[in-house]
């Protein structure tokens, strides 16, 4: 790599190590559960905008991540997961959601299979994302988000409705 790019790498690293600068509006909350909730809200908003622009691969990716951030929000909110815990396995995250009753085991398994078969395929360009897939994934993510948020005492914290 040339020196300019090495310098930019160092600069990027320092931005993550330093004290926070300008924080994204809406994510300036202290509770870890609300950070996850609002990340999901943002992903849905971005997904909606990009769907209109025809960026189907990114819409599918953001829909999967929005589902996972929403499940993670509920795990923390319901005391089934600490804010510091990291679940790096997508399948395990979906299973944990089923274990605390957010949905049944079969639904959790279907989510994991949907992710396993299709997210990887479109993300790594083994397949080409379509408008129909992106629309279906966006609707699924939005409905899961609203369903899981409406069942909480902090539904007013969802910024999707703002």
Protein backbone atom coordinates (compact mmCIF):
# COMPACT_ATOMS: atom_id res chain seq x y z
CA UNK A 1 0.00 0.00 0.00
CA UNK A 2 1.15 3.50 -0.62
CA UNK A 3 1.86 5.93 2.22
CA UNK A 4 -1.32 7.94 1.71
CA UNK A 5 -3.48 4.88 2.18
CA UNK A 6 -1.44 3.78 5.21
CA UNK A 7 -1.97 7.24 6.69
CA UNK A 8 -5.70 7.00 6.04
CA UNK A 9 -5.78 3.60 7.73
CA UNK A 10 -4.12 5.08 10.79
CA UNK A 11 -6.52 8.02 10.75
CA UNK A 12 -9.49 5.69 10.56
CA UNK A 13 -8.16 3.64 13.48
CA UNK A 14 -7.71 6.76 15.60
CA UNK A 15 -11.31 7.86 15.03
CA UNK A 16 -12.49 4.62 16.65
CA UNK A 17 -10.03 4.89 19.55
CA UNK A 18 -10.61 8.53 20.47
CA UNK A 19 -13.41 10.17 22.40
CA UNK A 20 -16.70 10.43 20.54
CA UNK A 21 -17.05 13.28 18.09
CA UNK A 22 -20.29 14.05 16.34
CA UNK A 23 -22.79 11.33 17.22
CA UNK A 24 -25.50 10.26 14.79
CA UNK A 25 -28.79 11.86 15.68
CA UNK A 26 -31.17 9.37 17.23
CA UNK A 27 -28.41 7.08 18.47
CA UNK A 28 -27.38 9.40 21.31
CA UNK A 29 -28.85 7.16 24.01
CA UNK A 30 -27.12 5.53 26.96
CA UNK A 31 -29.01 2.24 27.18
CA UNK A 32 -27.50 -0.55 25.13
CA UNK A 33 -30.96 -1.92 24.38
CA UNK A 34 -32.03 1.41 22.89
CA UNK A 35 -28.88 1.59 20.79
CA UNK A 36 -29.79 -1.78 19.26
CA UNK A 37 -33.40 -0.70 18.78
CA UNK A 38 -32.47 2.52 17.05
CA UNK A 39 -29.82 0.87 14.89
CA UNK A 40 -32.59 -1.38 13.63
CA UNK A 41 -34.75 1.70 12.98
CA UNK A 42 -31.97 3.31 10.97
CA UNK A 43 -31.34 0.16 8.97
CA UNK A 44 -35.01 0.00 8.06
CA UNK A 45 -35.03 3.65 7.04
CA UNK A 46 -31.95 3.21 4.89
CA UNK A 47 -33.40 0.02 3.44
CA UNK A 48 -36.57 1.85 2.46
CA UNK A 49 -34.59 4.64 0.76
CA UNK A 50 -32.29 2.24 -1.06
CA UNK A 51 -35.17 0.04 -2.17
CA UNK A 52 -36.59 3.04 -4.02
CA UNK A 53 -33.21 3.55 -5.68
CA UNK A 54 -32.87 -0.07 -6.81
CA UNK A 55 -30.01 -1.17 -4.54
CA UNK A 56 -31.49 -4.58 -3.81
CA UNK A 57 -28.39 -6.33 -2.46
CA UNK A 58 -27.89 -3.69 0.22
CA UNK A 59 -31.61 -3.71 1.07
CA UNK A 60 -31.46 -7.46 1.68
CA UNK A 61 -28.36 -7.05 3.84
CA UNK A 62 -29.85 -4.20 5.86
CA UNK A 63 -33.09 -6.15 6.34
CA UNK A 64 -31.25 -9.11 7.84
CA UNK A 65 -29.20 -6.85 10.10
CA UNK A 66 -32.32 -4.91 11.16
CA UNK A 67 -33.99 -8.19 12.16
CA UNK A 68 -30.93 -9.19 14.16
CA UNK A 69 -30.59 -5.80 15.88
CA UNK A 70 -34.29 -5.94 16.80
CA UNK A 71 -33.90 -9.44 18.27
CA UNK A 72 -30.79 -8.30 20.14
CA UNK A 73 -32.74 -5.32 21.49
CA UNK A 74 -35.39 -7.67 22.84
CA UNK A 75 -32.83 -10.05 24.34
CA UNK A 76 -31.26 -7.16 26.28
CA UNK A 77 -34.62 -5.56 27.07
CA UNK A 78 -36.02 -8.82 28.43
CA UNK A 79 -32.88 -9.54 30.50
CA UNK A 80 -31.94 -12.59 28.43
CA UNK A 81 -28.65 -11.10 27.32
CA UNK A 82 -26.20 -8.66 28.85
CA UNK A 83 -25.32 -5.54 26.90
CA UNK A 84 -21.69 -6.68 26.80
CA UNK A 85 -22.46 -10.12 25.38
CA UNK A 86 -21.68 -10.70 21.74
CA UNK A 87 -23.47 -13.37 19.77
CA UNK A 88 -21.41 -13.78 16.64
CA UNK A 89 -23.43 -16.64 15.20
CA UNK A 90 -26.52 -15.56 13.29
CA UNK A 91 -28.14 -18.95 13.89
CA UNK A 92 -27.47 -18.70 17.63
CA UNK A 93 -29.04 -15.23 17.77
CA UNK A 94 -32.20 -16.51 16.09
CA UNK A 95 -32.24 -19.49 18.48
CA UNK A 96 -31.91 -17.20 21.50
CA UNK A 97 -34.93 -15.24 20.29
CA UNK A 98 -36.93 -18.48 20.20
CA UNK A 99 -35.65 -19.54 23.63
CA UNK A 100 -37.14 -16.45 25.28
CA UNK A 101 -40.42 -16.77 23.39
CA UNK A 102 -40.15 -13.96 20.87
CA UNK A 103 -41.28 -16.56 18.33
CA UNK A 104 -41.41 -20.32 18.20
CA UNK A 105 -38.49 -22.63 17.42
CA UNK A 106 -39.72 -23.33 13.89
CA UNK A 107 -39.84 -19.63 13.03
CA UNK A 108 -36.34 -19.11 14.45
CA UNK A 109 -35.07 -22.02 12.40
CA UNK A 110 -36.71 -20.61 9.26
CA UNK A 111 -35.05 -17.23 9.87
CA UNK A 112 -31.69 -18.93 10.28
CA UNK A 113 -32.18 -20.93 7.09
CA UNK A 114 -33.33 -17.85 5.19
CA UNK A 115 -30.17 -16.10 6.28
CA UNK A 116 -27.95 -19.10 5.59
CA UNK A 117 -29.30 -19.83 2.12
CA UNK A 118 -30.03 -16.37 0.80
CA UNK A 119 -28.15 -13.62 2.60
CA UNK A 120 -24.80 -15.19 1.92
CA UNK A 121 -25.77 -15.90 -1.67
CA UNK A 122 -26.72 -12.31 -2.49
CA UNK A 123 -24.09 -10.62 -0.34
CA UNK A 124 -21.19 -12.50 -1.87
CA UNK A 125 -22.67 -12.21 -5.36
CA UNK A 126 -23.20 -15.93 -5.80
CA UNK A 127 -26.65 -14.87 -6.87
CA UNK A 128 -28.12 -11.62 -8.09
CA UNK A 129 -30.57 -9.86 -5.80
CA UNK A 130 -33.94 -8.98 -7.28
CA UNK A 131 -36.47 -6.28 -6.55
CA UNK A 132 -38.95 -8.91 -5.40
CA UNK A 133 -36.47 -10.41 -2.93
CA UNK A 134 -35.54 -6.98 -1.59
CA UNK A 135 -39.19 -5.96 -1.18
CA UNK A 136 -40.05 -9.21 0.59
CA UNK A 137 -37.06 -8.96 2.93
CA UNK A 138 -37.82 -5.33 3.71
CA UNK A 139 -41.46 -6.13 4.55
CA UNK A 140 -40.37 -9.08 6.72
CA UNK A 141 -37.82 -6.99 8.62
CA UNK A 142 -40.25 -4.10 9.10
CA UNK A 143 -43.04 -6.37 10.35
CA UNK A 144 -40.75 -8.29 12.73
CA UNK A 145 -39.40 -4.99 14.04
CA UNK A 146 -42.84 -3.52 14.66
CA UNK A 147 -44.18 -6.73 16.19
CA UNK A 148 -41.27 -7.12 18.62
CA UNK A 149 -41.20 -3.43 19.53
CA UNK A 150 -44.94 -3.06 20.07
CA UNK A 151 -44.76 -5.72 22.78
CA UNK A 152 -42.39 -3.66 24.97
CA UNK A 153 -42.74 -0.87 27.47
CA UNK A 154 -40.35 1.27 25.44
CA UNK A 155 -42.11 1.20 22.08
CA UNK A 156 -42.14 5.01 22.19
CA UNK A 157 -38.32 4.89 21.81
CA UNK A 158 -38.63 3.48 18.30
CA UNK A 159 -37.65 6.26 15.90
CA UNK A 160 -39.22 4.58 12.87
CA UNK A 161 -42.44 6.36 13.67
CA UNK A 162 -40.91 9.78 14.22
